[in-house]
C-alpha atoms as a PDB file:
ATOM      1  CA  MET A   1      -8.163 -17.035   4.431  1.00  0.00           C
ATOM      2  CA  THR A   2      -4.573 -17.774   3.350  1.00  0.00           C
ATOM      3  CA  THR A   3      -2.147 -14.863   3.580  1.00  0.00           C
ATOM      4  CA  THR A   4       1.050 -14.850   1.528  1.00  0.00           C
ATOM      5  CA  THR A   5       3.845 -12.415   2.419  1.00  0.00           C
ATOM      6  CA  ILE A   6       6.588 -11.266   0.038  1.00  0.00           C
ATOM      7  CA  ALA A   7       9.303  -9.002   1.428  1.00  0.00           C
ATOM      8  CA  LEU A   8      11.173  -7.165  -1.346  1.00  0.00           C
ATOM      9  CA  ILE A   9      14.696  -6.132  -0.350  1.00  0.00           C
ATOM     10  CA  ARG A  10      16.790  -3.805  -2.478  1.00  0.00           C
ATOM     11  CA  HIS A  11      20.430  -4.922  -2.673  1.00  0.00           C
ATOM     12  CA  GLY A  12      23.116  -3.231  -0.560  1.00  0.00           C
ATOM     13  CA  GLN A  13      25.020  -0.154  -1.663  1.00  0.00           C
ATOM     14  CA  THR A  14      27.552  -0.162  -4.521  1.00  0.00           C
ATOM     15  CA  ASP A  15      30.121   2.451  -5.508  1.00  0.00           C
ATOM     16  CA  TRP A  16      27.897   3.413  -8.443  1.00  0.00           C
ATOM     17  CA  ASN A  17      24.975   3.999  -6.062  1.00  0.00           C
ATOM     18  CA  LEU A  18      27.229   6.274  -4.058  1.00  0.00           C
ATOM     19  CA  ALA A  19      28.281   8.180  -7.192  1.00  0.00           C
ATOM     20  CA  GLY A  20      24.714   8.443  -8.538  1.00  0.00           C
ATOM     21  CA  ARG A  21      25.487   6.349 -11.632  1.00  0.00           C
ATOM     22  CA  ILE A  22      22.690   4.443 -13.321  1.00  0.00           C
ATOM     23  CA  GLN A  23      23.464   0.716 -13.038  1.00  0.00           C
ATOM     24  CA  GLY A  24      20.688  -1.236 -14.728  1.00  0.00           C
ATOM     25  CA  HIS A  25      22.063  -4.550 -15.969  1.00  0.00           C
ATOM     26  CA  THR A  26      25.685  -3.456 -15.455  1.00  0.00           C
ATOM     27  CA  ASP A  27      26.948  -5.826 -12.768  1.00  0.00           C
ATOM     28  CA  ILE A  28      28.582  -3.657 -10.096  1.00  0.00           C
ATOM     29  CA  PRO A  29      29.587  -5.380  -6.819  1.00  0.00           C
ATOM     30  CA  LEU A  30      28.625  -4.363  -3.313  1.00  0.00           C
ATOM     31  CA  ASN A  31      30.993  -2.015  -1.529  1.00  0.00           C
ATOM     32  CA  ALA A  32      31.898  -2.326   2.162  1.00  0.00           C
ATOM     33  CA  THR A  33      28.840  -0.318   3.183  1.00  0.00           C
ATOM     34  CA  GLY A  34      26.607  -2.539   1.072  1.00  0.00           C
ATOM     35  CA  ILE A  35      27.984  -5.685   2.707  1.00  0.00           C
ATOM     36  CA  ALA A  36      27.355  -4.216   6.158  1.00  0.00           C
ATOM     37  CA  GLN A  37      23.821  -3.220   5.120  1.00  0.00           C
ATOM     38  CA  ALA A  38      23.042  -6.765   3.976  1.00  0.00           C
ATOM     39  CA  GLU A  39      24.349  -8.214   7.226  1.00  0.00           C
ATOM     40  CA  ALA A  40      22.249  -5.743   9.201  1.00  0.00           C
ATOM     41  CA  ALA A  41      19.193  -6.664   7.133  1.00  0.00           C
ATOM     42  CA  SER A  42      19.625 -10.318   8.051  1.00  0.00           C
ATOM     43  CA  LEU A  43      19.550  -9.399  11.753  1.00  0.00           C
ATOM     44  CA  ALA A  44      16.324  -7.431  11.363  1.00  0.00           C
ATOM     45  CA  LEU A  45      14.686 -10.125   9.265  1.00  0.00           C
ATOM     46  CA  GLY A  46      15.763 -12.852  11.678  1.00  0.00           C
ATOM     47  CA  GLU A  47      13.040 -11.856  14.118  1.00  0.00           C
ATOM     48  CA  GLU A  48      10.445 -13.488  11.831  1.00  0.00           C
ATOM     49  CA  PRO A  49      10.121 -16.864  10.043  1.00  0.00           C
ATOM     50  CA  TRP A  50      10.842 -17.137   6.286  1.00  0.00           C
ATOM     51  CA  HIS A  51      10.243 -20.077   3.985  1.00  0.00           C
ATOM     52  CA  ALA A  52      12.287 -19.228   0.866  1.00  0.00           C
ATOM     53  CA  LEU A  53      14.772 -16.673  -0.440  1.00  0.00           C
ATOM     54  CA  LEU A  54      14.924 -15.592  -4.078  1.00  0.00           C
ATOM     55  CA  SER A  55      17.142 -13.111  -5.867  1.00  0.00           C
ATOM     56  CA  SER A  56      17.763 -11.247  -9.068  1.00  0.00           C
ATOM     57  CA  PRO A  57      20.662 -13.006 -10.833  1.00  0.00           C
ATOM     58  CA  LEU A  58      22.789  -9.821 -10.870  1.00  0.00           C
ATOM     59  CA  GLY A  59      25.812 -10.060  -8.594  1.00  0.00           C
ATOM     60  CA  ARG A  60      24.976  -7.184  -6.240  1.00  0.00           C
ATOM     61  CA  ALA A  61      21.564  -8.685  -5.514  1.00  0.00           C
ATOM     62  CA  ARG A  62      22.846 -12.244  -5.319  1.00  0.00           C
ATOM     63  CA  HIS A  63      25.617 -11.254  -2.878  1.00  0.00           C
ATOM     64  CA  THR A  64      23.088  -9.422  -0.703  1.00  0.00           C
ATOM     65  CA  ALA A  65      20.832 -12.480  -0.742  1.00  0.00           C
ATOM     66  CA  GLU A  66      23.686 -14.820   0.166  1.00  0.00           C
ATOM     67  CA  LEU A  67      24.652 -12.655   3.140  1.00  0.00           C
ATOM     68  CA  ILE A  68      21.017 -12.580   4.309  1.00  0.00           C
ATOM     69  CA  ALA A  69      20.731 -16.351   3.829  1.00  0.00           C
ATOM     70  CA  ALA A  70      23.868 -16.929   5.886  1.00  0.00           C
ATOM     71  CA  GLY A  71      22.560 -14.743   8.704  1.00  0.00           C
ATOM     72  CA  LEU A  72      19.182 -16.484   8.707  1.00  0.00           C
ATOM     73  CA  GLY A  73      20.564 -20.000   8.311  1.00  0.00           C
ATOM     74  CA  MET A  74      18.616 -20.521   5.082  1.00  0.00           C
ATOM     75  CA  PRO A  75      20.037 -23.315   2.906  1.00  0.00           C
ATOM     76  CA  GLU A  76      19.719 -21.812  -0.562  1.00  0.00           C
ATOM     77  CA  VAL A  77      19.122 -18.747  -2.704  1.00  0.00           C
ATOM     78  CA  ARG A  78      17.130 -19.226  -5.903  1.00  0.00           C
ATOM     79  CA  ASP A  79      17.624 -16.906  -8.873  1.00  0.00           C
ATOM     80  CA  HIS A  80      14.556 -15.420 -10.548  1.00  0.00           C
ATOM     81  CA  ALA A  81      15.009 -13.305 -13.680  1.00  0.00           C
ATOM     82  CA  GLY A  82      11.658 -11.594 -13.123  1.00  0.00           C
ATOM     83  CA  PHE A  83      13.317  -9.499 -10.423  1.00  0.00           C
ATOM     84  CA  LEU A  84      16.217  -8.234 -12.561  1.00  0.00           C
ATOM     85  CA  GLU A  85      16.838  -4.524 -12.577  1.00  0.00           C
ATOM     86  CA  ARG A  86      15.475  -2.453 -15.418  1.00  0.00           C
ATOM     87  CA  ASN A  87      17.797  -2.330 -18.429  1.00  0.00           C
ATOM     88  CA  PHE A  88      18.602   1.368 -18.848  1.00  0.00           C
ATOM     89  CA  GLY A  89      20.264   0.950 -22.254  1.00  0.00           C
ATOM     90  CA  LEU A  90      22.816   3.627 -23.146  1.00  0.00           C
ATOM     91  CA  ALA A  91      22.145   5.460 -19.874  1.00  0.00           C
ATOM     92  CA  GLU A  92      23.984   2.835 -17.823  1.00  0.00           C
ATOM     93  CA  GLY A  93      27.150   4.126 -16.216  1.00  0.00           C
ATOM     94  CA  LEU A  94      26.098   7.765 -16.550  1.00  0.00           C
ATOM     95  CA  VAL A  95      25.249  10.413 -13.970  1.00  0.00           C
ATOM     96  CA  ALA A  96      22.882  13.353 -14.337  1.00  0.00           C
ATOM     97  CA  GLY A  97      24.303  15.841 -16.823  1.00  0.00           C
ATOM     98  CA  PRO A  98      24.923  16.444 -20.539  1.00  0.00           C
ATOM     99  CA  GLU A  99      26.033  12.870 -21.296  1.00  0.00           C
ATOM    100  CA  LEU A 100      22.852  11.453 -19.818  1.00  0.00           C
ATOM    101  CA  ASP A 101      20.724  14.059 -21.573  1.00  0.00           C
ATOM    102  CA  ALA A 102      22.338  13.033 -24.884  1.00  0.00           C
ATOM    103  CA  VAL A 103      20.951   9.485 -24.647  1.00  0.00           C
ATOM    104  CA  ARG A 104      17.429  10.472 -23.668  1.00  0.00           C
ATOM    105  CA  SER A 105      14.695   9.329 -26.019  1.00  0.00           C
ATOM    106  CA  ASP A 106      11.112  10.276 -26.722  1.00  0.00           C
ATOM    107  CA  GLN A 107      10.291   6.575 -26.857  1.00  0.00           C
ATOM    108  CA  ALA A 108       8.604   4.844 -23.923  1.00  0.00           C
ATOM    109  CA  GLY A 109      11.897   3.660 -22.430  1.00  0.00           C
ATOM    110  CA  GLY A 110      13.071   7.203 -21.790  1.00  0.00           C
ATOM    111  CA  PHE A 111      16.619   6.379 -22.923  1.00  0.00           C
ATOM    112  CA  VAL A 112      18.072   4.909 -26.102  1.00  0.00           C
ATOM    113  CA  ALA A 113      17.831   1.076 -26.028  1.00  0.00           C
ATOM    114  CA  ALA A 114      16.257   1.049 -22.539  1.00  0.00           C
ATOM    115  CA  GLU A 115      13.596  -1.343 -21.274  1.00  0.00           C
ATOM    116  CA  THR A 116      10.241   0.390 -20.885  1.00  0.00           C
ATOM    117  CA  PRO A 117       8.695   0.841 -17.440  1.00  0.00           C
ATOM    118  CA  ALA A 118       5.653  -1.059 -18.709  1.00  0.00           C
ATOM    119  CA  ALA A 119       7.810  -4.083 -19.534  1.00  0.00           C
ATOM    120  CA  VAL A 120       9.472  -3.953 -16.110  1.00  0.00           C
ATOM    121  CA  ALA A 121       6.104  -3.789 -14.359  1.00  0.00           C
ATOM    122  CA  GLU A 122       4.716  -6.637 -16.446  1.00  0.00           C
ATOM    123  CA  ARG A 123       7.516  -9.047 -15.589  1.00  0.00           C
ATOM    124  CA  GLY A 124       7.645  -7.908 -11.967  1.00  0.00           C
ATOM    125  CA  ILE A 125       3.934  -8.477 -11.418  1.00  0.00           C
ATOM    126  CA  ALA A 126       4.135 -11.820 -13.241  1.00  0.00           C
ATOM    127  CA  ALA A 127       6.948 -12.896 -10.905  1.00  0.00           C
ATOM    128  CA  LEU A 128       4.978 -11.876  -7.796  1.00  0.00           C
ATOM    129  CA  THR A 129       1.895 -13.702  -9.056  1.00  0.00           C
ATOM    130  CA  GLU A 130       3.956 -16.806  -9.752  1.00  0.00           C
ATOM    131  CA  LEU A 131       5.370 -16.808  -6.215  1.00  0.00           C
ATOM    132  CA  ARG A 132       1.935 -16.289  -4.666  1.00  0.00           C
ATOM    133  CA  GLU A 133       0.526 -19.213  -6.628  1.00  0.00           C
ATOM    134  CA  GLN A 134       3.491 -21.503  -5.929  1.00  0.00           C
ATOM    135  CA  HIS A 135       3.852 -20.618  -2.225  1.00  0.00           C
ATOM    136  CA  PRO A 136       0.359 -19.939  -0.821  1.00  0.00           C
ATOM    137  CA  GLY A 137       0.404 -19.028   2.841  1.00  0.00           C
ATOM    138  CA  GLN A 138       4.197 -18.761   3.001  1.00  0.00           C
ATOM    139  CA  ARG A 139       6.584 -15.913   3.824  1.00  0.00           C
ATOM    140  CA  LEU A 140       9.127 -15.194   1.101  1.00  0.00           C
ATOM    141  CA  LEU A 141      12.162 -12.942   0.782  1.00  0.00           C
ATOM    142  CA  VAL A 142      13.119 -11.495  -2.602  1.00  0.00           C
ATOM    143  CA  VAL A 143      16.289  -9.448  -3.198  1.00  0.00           C
ATOM    144  CA  SER A 144      15.861  -7.146  -6.173  1.00  0.00           C
ATOM    145  CA  HIS A 145      16.634  -3.588  -7.314  1.00  0.00           C
ATOM    146  CA  GLY A 146      15.333  -0.092  -6.699  1.00  0.00           C
ATOM    147  CA  ALA A 147      13.774   0.692 -10.067  1.00  0.00           C
ATOM    148  CA  CYS A 148      12.347  -2.816 -10.513  1.00  0.00           C
ATOM    149  CA  ILE A 149      10.665  -2.719  -7.101  1.00  0.00           C
ATOM    150  CA  ARG A 150       9.354   0.833  -7.436  1.00  0.00           C
ATOM    151  CA  ILE A 151       8.002   0.486 -10.980  1.00  0.00           C
ATOM    152  CA  THR A 152       6.377  -2.864 -10.186  1.00  0.00           C
ATOM    153  CA  LEU A 153       4.685  -1.531  -7.056  1.00  0.00           C
ATOM    154  CA  GLN A 154       3.436   1.613  -8.779  1.00  0.00           C
ATOM    155  CA  ARG A 155       1.645  -0.504 -11.374  1.00  0.00           C
ATOM    156  CA  LEU A 156       0.508  -3.162  -8.908  1.00  0.00           C
ATOM    157  CA  LEU A 157      -0.908  -0.746  -6.332  1.00  0.00           C
ATOM    158  CA  GLY A 158      -1.874   2.130  -8.614  1.00  0.00           C
ATOM    159  CA  GLN A 159      -0.105   4.707  -6.467  1.00  0.00           C
ATOM    160  CA  ASP A 160       3.148   6.649  -6.326  1.00  0.00           C
ATOM    161  CA  VAL A 161       6.016   4.871  -4.568  1.00  0.00           C
ATOM    162  CA  PRO A 162       9.088   6.762  -3.328  1.00  0.00           C
ATOM    163  CA  ARG A 163      12.705   5.836  -3.972  1.00  0.00           C
ATOM    164  CA  ILE A 164      13.539   2.399  -2.565  1.00  0.00           C
ATOM    165  CA  LEU A 165      16.451   2.419  -0.115  1.00  0.00           C
ATOM    166  CA  ASN A 166      19.372  -0.006  -0.092  1.00  0.00           C
ATOM    167  CA  ALA A 167      18.864  -3.200   1.942  1.00  0.00           C
ATOM    168  CA  GLU A 168      15.508  -2.111   3.359  1.00  0.00           C
ATOM    169  CA  ARG A 169      12.321  -4.161   3.456  1.00  0.00           C
ATOM    170  CA  THR A 170       9.324  -3.178   1.321  1.00  0.00           C
ATOM    171  CA  GLN A 171       6.691  -5.810   1.978  1.00  0.00           C
ATOM    172  CA  LEU A 172       3.536  -7.003   0.260  1.00  0.00           C
ATOM    173  CA  VAL A 173       0.812  -9.206   1.684  1.00  0.00           C
ATOM    174  CA  HIS A 174      -1.917 -11.006  -0.253  1.00  0.00           C
ATOM    175  CA  ASP A 175      -4.901 -12.280   1.726  1.00  0.00           C
ATOM    176  CA  GLY A 176      -6.696 -13.944  -1.173  1.00  0.00           C
ATOM    177  CA  ARG A 177      -8.520 -10.748  -2.126  1.00  0.00           C
ATOM    178  CA  GLY A 178      -5.643  -8.601  -3.339  1.00  0.00           C
ATOM    179  CA  TRP A 179      -2.257  -7.063  -2.596  1.00  0.00           C
ATOM    180  CA  GLN A 180      -1.543  -4.593   0.196  1.00  0.00           C
ATOM    181  CA  LEU A 181       1.680  -2.829   1.162  1.00  0.00           C
ATOM    182  CA  SER A 182       2.562  -3.494   4.809  1.00  0.00           C
ATOM    183  CA  HIS A 183       6.130  -2.086   4.947  1.00  0.00           C
ATOM    184  CA  LEU A 184       7.909   0.605   2.947  1.00  0.00           C
ATOM    185  CA  ASN A 185      11.654   1.189   3.209  1.00  0.00           C
ATOM    186  CA  GLY A 186      11.823  -0.674   6.494  1.00  0.00           C
ATOM    187  CA  GLN A 187       8.892   1.131   8.097  1.00  0.00           C
ATOM    188  CA  LEU A 188       5.679  -0.583   9.157  1.00  0.00           C
ATOM    189  CA  LEU A 189       2.769   1.263   7.566  1.00  0.00           C
ATOM    190  CA  THR A 190       0.328   2.224  10.297  1.00  0.00           C
ATOM    191  CA  ALA A 191      -1.823   4.666   8.343  1.00  0.00           C
ATOM    192  CA  GLU A 192      -5.060   3.556   6.728  1.00  0.00           C
ATOM    193  CA  ALA A 193      -4.194   0.792   4.286  1.00  0.00           C
ATOM    194  CA  PRO A 194      -4.531   1.473   0.557  1.00  0.00           C
ATOM    195  CA  GLU A 195      -7.212  -0.266  -1.430  1.00  0.00           C
ATOM    196  CA  ARG A 196      -6.386  -3.875  -2.272  1.00  0.00           C
ATOM    197  CA  ARG A 197      -5.361  -4.316  -5.902  1.00  0.00           C
ATOM    198  CA  GLU A 198      -5.732  -7.548  -7.816  1.00  0.00           C
ATOM    199  CA  HIS A 199      -5.919  -6.273 -11.399  1.00  0.00           C
ATOM    200  CA  PRO A 200      -3.657  -3.205 -11.634  1.00  0.00           C
ATOM    201  CA  GLU A 201      -4.345  -0.326 -13.978  1.00  0.00           C
ATOM    202  CA  PRO A 202      -1.631   0.728 -16.430  1.00  0.00           C
ATOM    203  CA  GLN A 203       0.677   3.514 -15.255  1.00  0.00           C
ATOM    204  CA  GLN A 204       2.608   5.823 -17.540  1.00  0.00           C
ATOM    205  CA  ARG A 205       5.405   6.712 -15.135  1.00  0.00           C
ATOM    206  CA  SER A 206       9.084   6.139 -15.856  1.00  0.00           C
ATOM    207  CA  SER A 207      12.082   5.900 -13.559  1.00  0.00           C
ATOM    208  CA  GLU A 208      15.698   6.982 -13.732  1.00  0.00           C
ATOM    209  CA  ALA A 209      16.595   5.594 -10.311  1.00  0.00           C
ATOM    210  CA  SER A 210      19.841   3.687 -10.334  1.00  0.00           C
ATOM    211  CA  ALA A 211      19.681   0.424  -8.475  1.00  0.00           C
END
């Protein structure tokens, strides 16, 4: 049975990550720590073969992907908009406090003008499905964002997923029967594997995680 592997890597650290500011679609560059994290990720990932490298088009993800590609000797990075970070609307640039509370909304997005978690999960799962269908049996790297990865996985797997760490591998495998999580935040999962999920159930969770 053909097994397809997709390793999701959150981009390296930015100054806004360090300050706890919500980034969303705001294009904040990697800081020195983030660059070092991406270079370290390439060393860890270099112990295994990879067939393709894709990235969110946002600069912090693209830069992370380019540093990983350079370390692995991969010839190209392909952009994929399905792995963009969640748009947090008027919450972008804010930290926890009165200003952030002022732009909260009772609507599904949680913040004024924000993308809903359901919309993020829908495009994230569609992107994963597309890659599985286009690259059966291959091993793919995808550089994305914390909220996008976490929200997508919660819907896909039907379980809670913790905060995704900068430049760490969170890996999915599909063996033709469904998706399983093999790595989370750089750690190989050795406990009993969760049930395979092919047709995820809707989840009503939201996320404020900056990425």
